[in-house]
N, C-alpha and C. Protein backbone atom coordinates (compact mmCIF):
# COMPACT_ATOMS: atom_id res chain seq x y z
N MET A 1 125.27 99.68 103.20
CA MET A 1 125.31 99.63 101.76
C MET A 1 123.95 99.18 101.25
N ASN A 2 123.35 99.94 100.41
CA ASN A 2 122.03 99.63 99.88
C ASN A 2 122.19 98.97 98.52
N LEU A 3 121.77 97.70 98.41
CA LEU A 3 121.88 96.97 97.16
C LEU A 3 120.54 96.99 96.45
N GLU A 4 120.59 97.17 95.14
CA GLU A 4 119.36 97.16 94.37
C GLU A 4 118.99 95.73 94.01
N CYS A 5 117.73 95.38 94.18
CA CYS A 5 117.26 94.05 93.84
C CYS A 5 116.85 93.99 92.38
N ARG A 6 117.22 92.92 91.72
CA ARG A 6 116.82 92.71 90.33
C ARG A 6 115.92 91.49 90.30
N THR A 7 114.73 91.63 89.74
CA THR A 7 113.78 90.53 89.79
C THR A 7 113.50 89.88 88.44
N GLU A 8 113.82 90.50 87.34
CA GLU A 8 113.46 89.94 86.06
C GLU A 8 114.64 89.50 85.20
N ASP A 9 115.84 89.97 85.47
CA ASP A 9 116.96 89.77 84.57
C ASP A 9 117.28 88.29 84.30
N PHE A 10 117.12 87.44 85.27
CA PHE A 10 117.53 86.05 85.14
C PHE A 10 116.35 85.11 85.34
N ALA A 11 115.20 85.46 84.81
CA ALA A 11 113.96 84.72 85.06
C ALA A 11 114.04 83.25 84.64
N GLU A 12 114.93 82.90 83.73
CA GLU A 12 115.01 81.52 83.27
C GLU A 12 115.91 80.65 84.16
N SER A 13 116.67 81.24 85.02
CA SER A 13 117.62 80.49 85.83
C SER A 13 116.92 79.69 86.93
N GLU A 14 117.34 78.45 87.07
CA GLU A 14 116.78 77.59 88.12
C GLU A 14 117.37 77.91 89.49
N THR A 15 118.45 78.69 89.53
CA THR A 15 119.08 79.00 90.81
C THR A 15 118.44 80.18 91.51
N LEU A 16 117.61 80.93 90.82
CA LEU A 16 116.97 82.10 91.43
C LEU A 16 115.88 81.69 92.40
N ALA A 17 115.85 82.36 93.53
CA ALA A 17 114.75 82.14 94.46
C ALA A 17 113.44 82.53 93.77
N ARG A 18 112.42 81.74 94.01
CA ARG A 18 111.10 81.98 93.42
C ARG A 18 110.15 82.29 94.57
N ILE A 19 109.52 83.44 94.49
CA ILE A 19 108.62 83.89 95.56
C ILE A 19 107.23 84.08 94.99
N GLY A 20 106.28 83.39 95.60
CA GLY A 20 104.89 83.51 95.21
C GLY A 20 104.17 84.51 96.09
N VAL A 21 103.35 85.35 95.48
CA VAL A 21 102.50 86.28 96.22
C VAL A 21 101.07 85.94 95.81
N LEU A 22 100.31 85.46 96.78
CA LEU A 22 98.93 85.04 96.54
C LEU A 22 97.97 85.99 97.23
N VAL A 23 97.20 86.71 96.45
CA VAL A 23 96.18 87.61 96.97
C VAL A 23 94.87 86.83 97.04
N VAL A 24 94.25 86.85 98.21
CA VAL A 24 93.00 86.13 98.42
C VAL A 24 91.91 87.16 98.66
N SER A 25 91.03 87.34 97.67
CA SER A 25 89.98 88.36 97.76
C SER A 25 88.92 88.11 96.70
N ASP A 26 87.68 88.02 97.12
CA ASP A 26 86.58 87.89 96.17
C ASP A 26 86.54 89.09 95.24
N ARG A 27 86.60 90.29 95.82
CA ARG A 27 86.47 91.51 95.01
C ARG A 27 87.66 91.74 94.09
N ALA A 28 88.88 91.53 94.59
CA ALA A 28 90.07 91.73 93.74
C ALA A 28 90.10 90.71 92.61
N SER A 29 89.71 89.47 92.89
CA SER A 29 89.74 88.44 91.85
C SER A 29 88.68 88.70 90.77
N ALA A 30 87.60 89.39 91.15
CA ALA A 30 86.55 89.74 90.19
C ALA A 30 86.84 91.06 89.47
N GLY A 31 87.88 91.76 89.87
CA GLY A 31 88.25 93.02 89.23
C GLY A 31 87.47 94.23 89.69
N VAL A 32 86.71 94.10 90.79
CA VAL A 32 85.93 95.24 91.28
C VAL A 32 86.66 96.01 92.38
N TYR A 33 87.82 95.52 92.76
CA TYR A 33 88.57 96.13 93.85
C TYR A 33 90.04 96.09 93.46
N GLU A 34 90.72 97.21 93.58
CA GLU A 34 92.14 97.26 93.28
C GLU A 34 92.92 96.54 94.37
N ASP A 35 93.73 95.59 93.97
CA ASP A 35 94.56 94.86 94.91
C ASP A 35 95.64 95.78 95.48
N LYS A 36 95.63 95.96 96.78
CA LYS A 36 96.68 96.75 97.43
C LYS A 36 97.57 95.86 98.29
N GLY A 37 97.04 94.72 98.73
CA GLY A 37 97.82 93.81 99.57
C GLY A 37 98.99 93.20 98.83
N GLY A 38 98.74 92.68 97.64
CA GLY A 38 99.81 92.08 96.86
C GLY A 38 100.88 93.09 96.50
N ALA A 39 100.46 94.30 96.19
CA ALA A 39 101.41 95.37 95.87
C ALA A 39 102.27 95.70 97.09
N ALA A 40 101.67 95.70 98.28
CA ALA A 40 102.42 95.98 99.51
C ALA A 40 103.46 94.90 99.78
N VAL A 41 103.09 93.65 99.56
CA VAL A 41 104.03 92.54 99.74
C VAL A 41 105.20 92.69 98.75
N THR A 42 104.88 92.92 97.49
CA THR A 42 105.91 93.06 96.45
C THR A 42 106.84 94.23 96.75
N ASP A 43 106.29 95.36 97.16
CA ASP A 43 107.11 96.52 97.50
C ASP A 43 108.07 96.20 98.64
N PHE A 44 107.58 95.49 99.65
CA PHE A 44 108.43 95.10 100.77
C PHE A 44 109.58 94.21 100.29
N LEU A 45 109.24 93.21 99.50
CA LEU A 45 110.26 92.28 99.01
C LEU A 45 111.34 93.00 98.20
N LYS A 46 110.93 93.95 97.38
CA LYS A 46 111.90 94.70 96.57
C LYS A 46 112.84 95.51 97.44
N LYS A 47 112.37 95.95 98.60
CA LYS A 47 113.22 96.71 99.53
C LYS A 47 114.20 95.80 100.26
N VAL A 48 113.75 94.62 100.63
CA VAL A 48 114.51 93.82 101.58
C VAL A 48 115.42 92.77 100.92
N ILE A 49 115.03 92.18 99.81
CA ILE A 49 115.83 91.11 99.22
C ILE A 49 116.84 91.71 98.24
N CYS A 50 118.12 91.38 98.44
CA CYS A 50 119.14 91.94 97.57
C CYS A 50 119.78 90.89 96.66
N SER A 51 119.46 89.63 96.84
CA SER A 51 119.90 88.63 95.87
C SER A 51 118.89 88.59 94.73
N ASN A 52 119.26 87.96 93.63
CA ASN A 52 118.35 87.89 92.49
C ASN A 52 117.21 86.91 92.78
N TRP A 53 116.01 87.27 92.35
CA TRP A 53 114.82 86.46 92.59
C TRP A 53 113.76 86.80 91.57
N ILE A 54 112.77 85.94 91.49
CA ILE A 54 111.63 86.24 90.61
C ILE A 54 110.34 86.08 91.43
N ILE A 55 109.34 86.78 90.99
CA ILE A 55 108.06 86.77 91.69
C ILE A 55 106.99 86.15 90.78
N ILE A 56 106.14 85.35 91.39
CA ILE A 56 105.00 84.78 90.69
C ILE A 56 103.77 85.22 91.47
N SER A 57 102.92 86.04 90.84
CA SER A 57 101.74 86.59 91.53
C SER A 57 100.48 85.92 91.03
N LYS A 58 99.53 85.80 91.95
CA LYS A 58 98.25 85.17 91.62
C LYS A 58 97.17 85.79 92.51
N ILE A 59 95.97 85.96 91.95
CA ILE A 59 94.82 86.44 92.72
C ILE A 59 93.72 85.39 92.61
N VAL A 60 93.17 84.99 93.76
CA VAL A 60 92.08 84.01 93.79
C VAL A 60 90.97 84.52 94.70
N PRO A 61 89.75 84.02 94.49
CA PRO A 61 88.66 84.39 95.40
C PRO A 61 88.85 83.72 96.76
N ASP A 62 88.16 84.26 97.76
CA ASP A 62 88.18 83.66 99.09
C ASP A 62 87.65 82.23 99.01
N GLY A 63 88.08 81.41 99.94
CA GLY A 63 87.62 80.03 100.02
C GLY A 63 88.77 79.08 100.24
N ALA A 64 88.55 78.08 101.07
CA ALA A 64 89.61 77.13 101.40
C ALA A 64 90.11 76.39 100.16
N GLU A 65 89.20 75.95 99.29
CA GLU A 65 89.61 75.18 98.11
C GLU A 65 90.40 76.03 97.12
N SER A 66 89.97 77.28 96.90
CA SER A 66 90.70 78.13 95.96
C SER A 66 92.09 78.43 96.48
N VAL A 67 92.22 78.65 97.79
CA VAL A 67 93.52 78.91 98.40
C VAL A 67 94.40 77.66 98.31
N ALA A 68 93.87 76.51 98.68
CA ALA A 68 94.65 75.26 98.65
C ALA A 68 95.13 74.97 97.23
N SER A 69 94.27 75.11 96.26
CA SER A 69 94.63 74.85 94.87
C SER A 69 95.75 75.79 94.40
N ALA A 70 95.63 77.07 94.73
CA ALA A 70 96.65 78.05 94.32
C ALA A 70 97.98 77.78 95.03
N LEU A 71 97.94 77.39 96.30
CA LEU A 71 99.17 77.10 97.02
C LEU A 71 99.88 75.88 96.44
N ILE A 72 99.12 74.87 96.08
CA ILE A 72 99.71 73.68 95.45
C ILE A 72 100.35 74.06 94.11
N GLU A 73 99.66 74.88 93.33
CA GLU A 73 100.20 75.32 92.04
C GLU A 73 101.50 76.11 92.24
N LEU A 74 101.51 77.03 93.21
CA LEU A 74 102.71 77.85 93.44
C LEU A 74 103.86 77.02 93.99
N SER A 75 103.56 76.09 94.88
CA SER A 75 104.61 75.26 95.49
C SER A 75 105.08 74.17 94.54
N ASP A 76 104.16 73.32 94.12
CA ASP A 76 104.53 72.15 93.33
C ASP A 76 104.75 72.48 91.86
N GLY A 77 103.88 73.30 91.29
CA GLY A 77 103.97 73.62 89.87
C GLY A 77 105.01 74.67 89.54
N GLU A 78 105.02 75.75 90.30
CA GLU A 78 105.94 76.87 90.03
C GLU A 78 107.26 76.75 90.78
N GLY A 79 107.33 75.86 91.77
CA GLY A 79 108.56 75.68 92.53
C GLY A 79 108.93 76.85 93.42
N CYS A 80 107.91 77.52 93.96
CA CYS A 80 108.19 78.67 94.84
C CYS A 80 108.84 78.23 96.14
N ASP A 81 109.85 78.96 96.53
CA ASP A 81 110.54 78.72 97.80
C ASP A 81 109.78 79.34 98.95
N LEU A 82 109.23 80.51 98.71
CA LEU A 82 108.49 81.27 99.70
C LEU A 82 107.17 81.69 99.05
N ILE A 83 106.08 81.48 99.77
CA ILE A 83 104.77 81.91 99.28
C ILE A 83 104.15 82.76 100.38
N LEU A 84 103.85 84.00 100.03
CA LEU A 84 103.22 84.93 100.97
C LEU A 84 101.80 85.18 100.50
N THR A 85 100.84 84.84 101.35
CA THR A 85 99.44 85.11 101.02
C THR A 85 99.04 86.40 101.71
N THR A 86 98.07 87.07 101.16
CA THR A 86 97.53 88.27 101.80
C THR A 86 96.02 88.24 101.67
N GLY A 87 95.35 88.44 102.81
CA GLY A 87 93.90 88.45 102.84
C GLY A 87 93.32 87.13 103.32
N GLY A 88 92.08 87.21 103.79
CA GLY A 88 91.35 86.02 104.19
C GLY A 88 91.72 85.44 105.54
N THR A 89 92.33 86.24 106.43
CA THR A 89 92.76 85.71 107.73
C THR A 89 91.89 86.18 108.89
N GLY A 90 90.82 86.89 108.59
CA GLY A 90 89.95 87.38 109.66
C GLY A 90 88.88 86.37 110.05
N PRO A 91 87.89 86.81 110.86
CA PRO A 91 86.85 85.90 111.33
C PRO A 91 85.59 85.85 110.46
N SER A 92 85.56 86.60 109.35
CA SER A 92 84.38 86.58 108.49
C SER A 92 84.16 85.19 107.90
N PRO A 93 82.92 84.85 107.58
CA PRO A 93 82.64 83.51 107.04
C PRO A 93 83.45 83.15 105.78
N ARG A 94 83.78 84.13 104.93
CA ARG A 94 84.54 83.84 103.71
C ARG A 94 86.05 83.86 103.93
N ASP A 95 86.51 84.25 105.11
CA ASP A 95 87.94 84.31 105.40
C ASP A 95 88.46 82.90 105.73
N LEU A 96 88.90 82.20 104.71
CA LEU A 96 89.29 80.79 104.87
C LEU A 96 90.72 80.50 104.41
N THR A 97 91.55 81.54 104.37
CA THR A 97 92.94 81.33 103.95
C THR A 97 93.68 80.36 104.89
N PRO A 98 93.56 80.49 106.21
CA PRO A 98 94.26 79.52 107.08
C PRO A 98 93.76 78.08 106.87
N GLU A 99 92.47 77.93 106.62
CA GLU A 99 91.95 76.58 106.40
C GLU A 99 92.51 75.99 105.10
N GLY A 100 92.60 76.81 104.05
CA GLY A 100 93.20 76.34 102.80
C GLY A 100 94.67 76.01 102.97
N THR A 101 95.36 76.81 103.77
CA THR A 101 96.78 76.56 104.04
C THR A 101 96.94 75.26 104.81
N GLN A 102 96.10 75.05 105.83
CA GLN A 102 96.16 73.81 106.62
C GLN A 102 95.99 72.58 105.74
N MET A 103 95.21 72.70 104.69
CA MET A 103 94.95 71.56 103.80
C MET A 103 96.20 71.11 103.05
N VAL A 104 97.19 72.01 102.86
CA VAL A 104 98.32 71.67 101.99
C VAL A 104 99.67 71.61 102.70
N ILE A 105 99.78 72.13 103.91
CA ILE A 105 101.09 72.11 104.57
C ILE A 105 101.34 70.76 105.25
N SER A 106 102.60 70.44 105.40
CA SER A 106 102.95 69.22 106.14
C SER A 106 103.28 69.53 107.59
N ARG A 107 103.81 70.74 107.83
CA ARG A 107 104.15 71.14 109.20
C ARG A 107 103.78 72.59 109.42
N GLU A 108 103.15 72.86 110.54
CA GLU A 108 102.84 74.24 110.91
C GLU A 108 104.01 74.81 111.69
N LEU A 109 104.25 76.10 111.49
CA LEU A 109 105.27 76.84 112.24
C LEU A 109 104.54 77.94 113.02
N PRO A 110 104.02 77.62 114.20
CA PRO A 110 103.14 78.55 114.92
C PRO A 110 103.79 79.85 115.36
N GLY A 111 105.10 79.89 115.48
CA GLY A 111 105.76 81.11 115.91
C GLY A 111 105.52 82.29 115.00
N PHE A 112 105.37 82.05 113.69
CA PHE A 112 105.11 83.13 112.75
C PHE A 112 103.80 83.84 113.08
N GLY A 113 102.72 83.08 113.23
CA GLY A 113 101.42 83.67 113.55
C GLY A 113 101.42 84.35 114.90
N GLU A 114 102.07 83.72 115.87
CA GLU A 114 102.14 84.31 117.21
C GLU A 114 102.82 85.67 117.17
N LEU A 115 103.95 85.75 116.47
CA LEU A 115 104.69 87.02 116.40
C LEU A 115 103.90 88.08 115.64
N MET A 116 103.27 87.69 114.53
CA MET A 116 102.50 88.68 113.76
C MET A 116 101.35 89.25 114.58
N ARG A 117 100.66 88.41 115.33
CA ARG A 117 99.58 88.92 116.18
C ARG A 117 100.12 89.81 117.29
N ARG A 118 101.25 89.42 117.88
CA ARG A 118 101.82 90.22 118.98
C ARG A 118 102.20 91.62 118.52
N VAL A 119 102.92 91.72 117.38
CA VAL A 119 103.34 93.06 116.93
C VAL A 119 102.15 93.87 116.42
N SER A 120 101.16 93.20 115.85
CA SER A 120 99.97 93.91 115.38
C SER A 120 99.13 94.42 116.54
N LEU A 121 99.15 93.70 117.64
CA LEU A 121 98.38 94.11 118.82
C LEU A 121 98.91 95.42 119.39
N ASP A 122 100.17 95.73 119.17
CA ASP A 122 100.72 97.02 119.59
C ASP A 122 100.07 98.17 118.81
N GLN A 123 99.50 97.87 117.64
CA GLN A 123 98.90 98.89 116.78
C GLN A 123 97.38 99.00 116.93
N VAL A 124 96.70 97.85 116.96
CA VAL A 124 95.23 97.84 117.02
C VAL A 124 94.74 96.69 117.89
N PRO A 125 93.69 96.93 118.69
CA PRO A 125 93.18 95.87 119.56
C PRO A 125 92.51 94.73 118.79
N THR A 126 92.11 94.98 117.55
CA THR A 126 91.46 93.93 116.76
C THR A 126 92.44 92.91 116.19
N ALA A 127 93.73 93.07 116.46
CA ALA A 127 94.72 92.10 116.00
C ALA A 127 94.44 90.71 116.56
N ILE A 128 93.75 90.63 117.68
CA ILE A 128 93.41 89.32 118.25
C ILE A 128 92.43 88.55 117.37
N LEU A 129 91.80 89.22 116.43
CA LEU A 129 90.86 88.56 115.52
C LEU A 129 91.56 87.91 114.33
N SER A 130 92.82 88.22 114.14
CA SER A 130 93.55 87.73 112.97
C SER A 130 94.03 86.30 113.19
N ARG A 131 94.03 85.55 112.11
CA ARG A 131 94.39 84.13 112.19
C ARG A 131 95.57 83.78 111.30
N GLN A 132 96.57 84.68 111.23
CA GLN A 132 97.75 84.40 110.42
C GLN A 132 98.43 83.14 110.89
N MET A 133 99.04 82.44 109.96
CA MET A 133 99.78 81.23 110.29
C MET A 133 100.86 81.01 109.23
N ALA A 134 101.69 80.01 109.46
CA ALA A 134 102.73 79.64 108.49
C ALA A 134 102.99 78.14 108.60
N GLY A 135 103.53 77.60 107.53
CA GLY A 135 103.89 76.19 107.53
C GLY A 135 104.72 75.87 106.31
N THR A 136 105.14 74.61 106.22
CA THR A 136 105.96 74.18 105.10
C THR A 136 105.23 73.14 104.27
N ARG A 137 105.51 73.17 103.00
CA ARG A 137 105.08 72.14 102.05
C ARG A 137 106.32 71.80 101.24
N ASP A 138 106.87 70.63 101.48
CA ASP A 138 108.13 70.23 100.85
C ASP A 138 109.17 71.34 101.07
N ARG A 139 109.65 71.97 99.99
CA ARG A 139 110.68 73.00 100.11
C ARG A 139 110.10 74.41 100.00
N SER A 140 108.83 74.54 100.32
CA SER A 140 108.17 75.86 100.29
C SER A 140 107.76 76.28 101.69
N LEU A 141 108.06 77.52 102.01
CA LEU A 141 107.55 78.13 103.24
C LEU A 141 106.35 78.97 102.84
N ILE A 142 105.21 78.72 103.49
CA ILE A 142 103.98 79.44 103.20
C ILE A 142 103.63 80.27 104.43
N VAL A 143 103.41 81.57 104.23
CA VAL A 143 103.08 82.48 105.33
C VAL A 143 101.81 83.25 104.96
N ASN A 144 100.82 83.18 105.85
CA ASN A 144 99.59 83.95 105.68
C ASN A 144 99.75 85.31 106.34
N LEU A 145 99.58 86.37 105.55
CA LEU A 145 99.66 87.74 106.04
C LEU A 145 98.26 88.35 106.05
N PRO A 146 98.08 89.42 106.82
CA PRO A 146 96.79 90.12 106.76
C PRO A 146 96.63 90.81 105.40
N GLY A 147 95.48 91.44 105.18
CA GLY A 147 95.19 92.05 103.89
C GLY A 147 95.49 93.53 103.80
N ARG A 148 95.53 94.23 104.93
CA ARG A 148 95.77 95.68 104.91
C ARG A 148 97.25 95.98 104.71
N PRO A 149 97.59 96.87 103.77
CA PRO A 149 99.00 97.18 103.51
C PRO A 149 99.79 97.60 104.76
N SER A 150 99.22 98.41 105.62
CA SER A 150 99.96 98.82 106.82
C SER A 150 100.23 97.63 107.74
N ALA A 151 99.28 96.71 107.84
CA ALA A 151 99.47 95.52 108.67
C ALA A 151 100.47 94.56 108.04
N ILE A 152 100.48 94.50 106.72
CA ILE A 152 101.45 93.66 106.01
C ILE A 152 102.87 94.12 106.33
N GLU A 153 103.09 95.42 106.26
CA GLU A 153 104.42 95.98 106.54
C GLU A 153 104.86 95.66 107.97
N ILE A 154 103.97 95.84 108.93
CA ILE A 154 104.28 95.54 110.33
C ILE A 154 104.65 94.08 110.50
N CYS A 155 103.85 93.20 109.93
CA CYS A 155 104.09 91.77 110.07
C CYS A 155 105.36 91.32 109.37
N LEU A 156 105.58 91.77 108.15
CA LEU A 156 106.79 91.37 107.44
C LEU A 156 108.06 91.89 108.12
N ASN A 157 108.01 93.10 108.65
CA ASN A 157 109.17 93.61 109.39
C ASN A 157 109.49 92.73 110.58
N ALA A 158 108.47 92.19 111.22
CA ALA A 158 108.68 91.34 112.39
C ALA A 158 109.21 89.96 112.04
N ILE A 159 108.65 89.33 111.02
CA ILE A 159 108.98 87.92 110.74
C ILE A 159 110.12 87.72 109.74
N PHE A 160 110.39 88.70 108.89
CA PHE A 160 111.35 88.46 107.81
C PHE A 160 112.76 88.13 108.28
N PRO A 161 113.22 88.62 109.44
CA PRO A 161 114.56 88.22 109.88
C PRO A 161 114.74 86.71 110.02
N ALA A 162 113.67 85.96 110.23
CA ALA A 162 113.76 84.50 110.38
C ALA A 162 113.58 83.75 109.06
N ILE A 163 113.08 84.41 108.03
CA ILE A 163 112.73 83.72 106.79
C ILE A 163 113.94 83.17 106.03
N PRO A 164 115.03 83.93 105.83
CA PRO A 164 116.15 83.35 105.08
C PRO A 164 116.69 82.06 105.70
N TYR A 165 116.83 82.01 107.03
CA TYR A 165 117.34 80.80 107.68
C TYR A 165 116.33 79.67 107.59
N CYS A 166 115.05 79.98 107.72
CA CYS A 166 114.02 78.96 107.57
C CYS A 166 114.10 78.34 106.18
N LEU A 167 114.26 79.17 105.15
CA LEU A 167 114.40 78.65 103.79
C LEU A 167 115.62 77.75 103.67
N ASP A 168 116.72 78.13 104.31
CA ASP A 168 117.92 77.27 104.31
C ASP A 168 117.60 75.91 104.92
N LEU A 169 116.91 75.92 106.05
CA LEU A 169 116.63 74.69 106.78
C LEU A 169 115.72 73.73 106.02
N ILE A 170 114.81 74.25 105.21
CA ILE A 170 113.89 73.37 104.49
C ILE A 170 114.42 72.99 103.10
N GLY A 171 115.60 73.45 102.76
CA GLY A 171 116.21 73.09 101.48
C GLY A 171 115.76 73.94 100.31
N ALA A 172 115.21 75.11 100.59
CA ALA A 172 114.78 76.02 99.53
C ALA A 172 115.99 76.80 99.00
N ARG A 173 115.77 77.52 97.92
CA ARG A 173 116.84 78.35 97.37
C ARG A 173 117.17 79.48 98.35
N ARG A 174 118.41 79.88 98.35
CA ARG A 174 118.89 80.88 99.30
C ARG A 174 118.51 82.29 98.86
N ILE A 175 118.12 83.10 99.84
CA ILE A 175 117.94 84.53 99.58
C ILE A 175 118.84 85.31 100.53
N GLU A 176 119.27 86.45 100.05
CA GLU A 176 120.07 87.37 100.86
C GLU A 176 119.27 88.65 101.02
N VAL A 177 119.42 89.27 102.19
CA VAL A 177 118.66 90.48 102.46
C VAL A 177 119.59 91.68 102.62
N ASN A 178 119.02 92.83 102.37
CA ASN A 178 119.71 94.10 102.55
C ASN A 178 119.79 94.35 104.06
N SER A 179 120.96 94.30 104.63
CA SER A 179 121.12 94.44 106.09
C SER A 179 120.77 95.83 106.60
N ASP A 180 120.69 96.81 105.70
CA ASP A 180 120.23 98.14 106.11
C ASP A 180 118.73 98.15 106.38
N VAL A 181 118.01 97.17 105.84
CA VAL A 181 116.56 97.12 105.95
C VAL A 181 116.11 96.01 106.88
N CYS A 182 116.82 94.89 106.87
CA CYS A 182 116.41 93.70 107.62
C CYS A 182 117.64 93.02 108.23
N LYS A 183 117.60 92.73 109.49
CA LYS A 183 118.68 92.04 110.17
C LYS A 183 118.35 90.54 110.23
N ALA A 184 118.57 89.86 109.12
CA ALA A 184 118.28 88.42 109.06
C ALA A 184 119.24 87.68 109.98
N PHE A 185 118.74 86.62 110.59
CA PHE A 185 119.56 85.83 111.50
C PHE A 185 119.86 84.47 110.89
N ARG A 186 121.16 84.18 110.79
CA ARG A 186 121.62 82.85 110.41
C ARG A 186 122.69 82.49 111.42
N PRO A 187 122.51 81.40 112.17
CA PRO A 187 123.51 81.01 113.18
C PRO A 187 124.89 80.86 112.56
N GLY A 188 125.88 81.37 113.26
CA GLY A 188 127.26 81.26 112.81
C GLY A 188 127.65 82.21 111.70
N ALA A 189 126.71 83.02 111.25
CA ALA A 189 127.03 83.95 110.14
C ALA A 189 127.69 85.19 110.67
């Protein structure tokens, strides 16, 4: 059964899951480059989440401080349950998304990064250069994704089955997924 996701109808409700999408890119934040990473994340979420939710999107330039500041705003200020970043996870000098994430999380969840690199390595040998990671800040799960739309899809398909239960465990708002698209795992369900 394919359920349609509604993201705007109940934007004022405190019970709706709040999902932050943070694009990290010097060029996209300056308006010289069309953001494709954030759009890929949003498209994936619209396919997979079938409970009501709202999205809060933000674009910032590369840099640990800009990433840390935006993550704090999305977590503490906006109350996001899940924050997905895209971009800034490579080895270039300006790729500092993991460092910004490290500055604000209380606990790292290394399995997310390990799985994303493993599934990406099946596609390209340069996946070993990626530094994706995940962690928690209070009731927010923060996941760093790569910047390329095709890599985002591969990574989200791999990790999303664990995200609903992780959100449950950290006390975040509940999300439900379309089981035709994602086989989320919740013990005893």
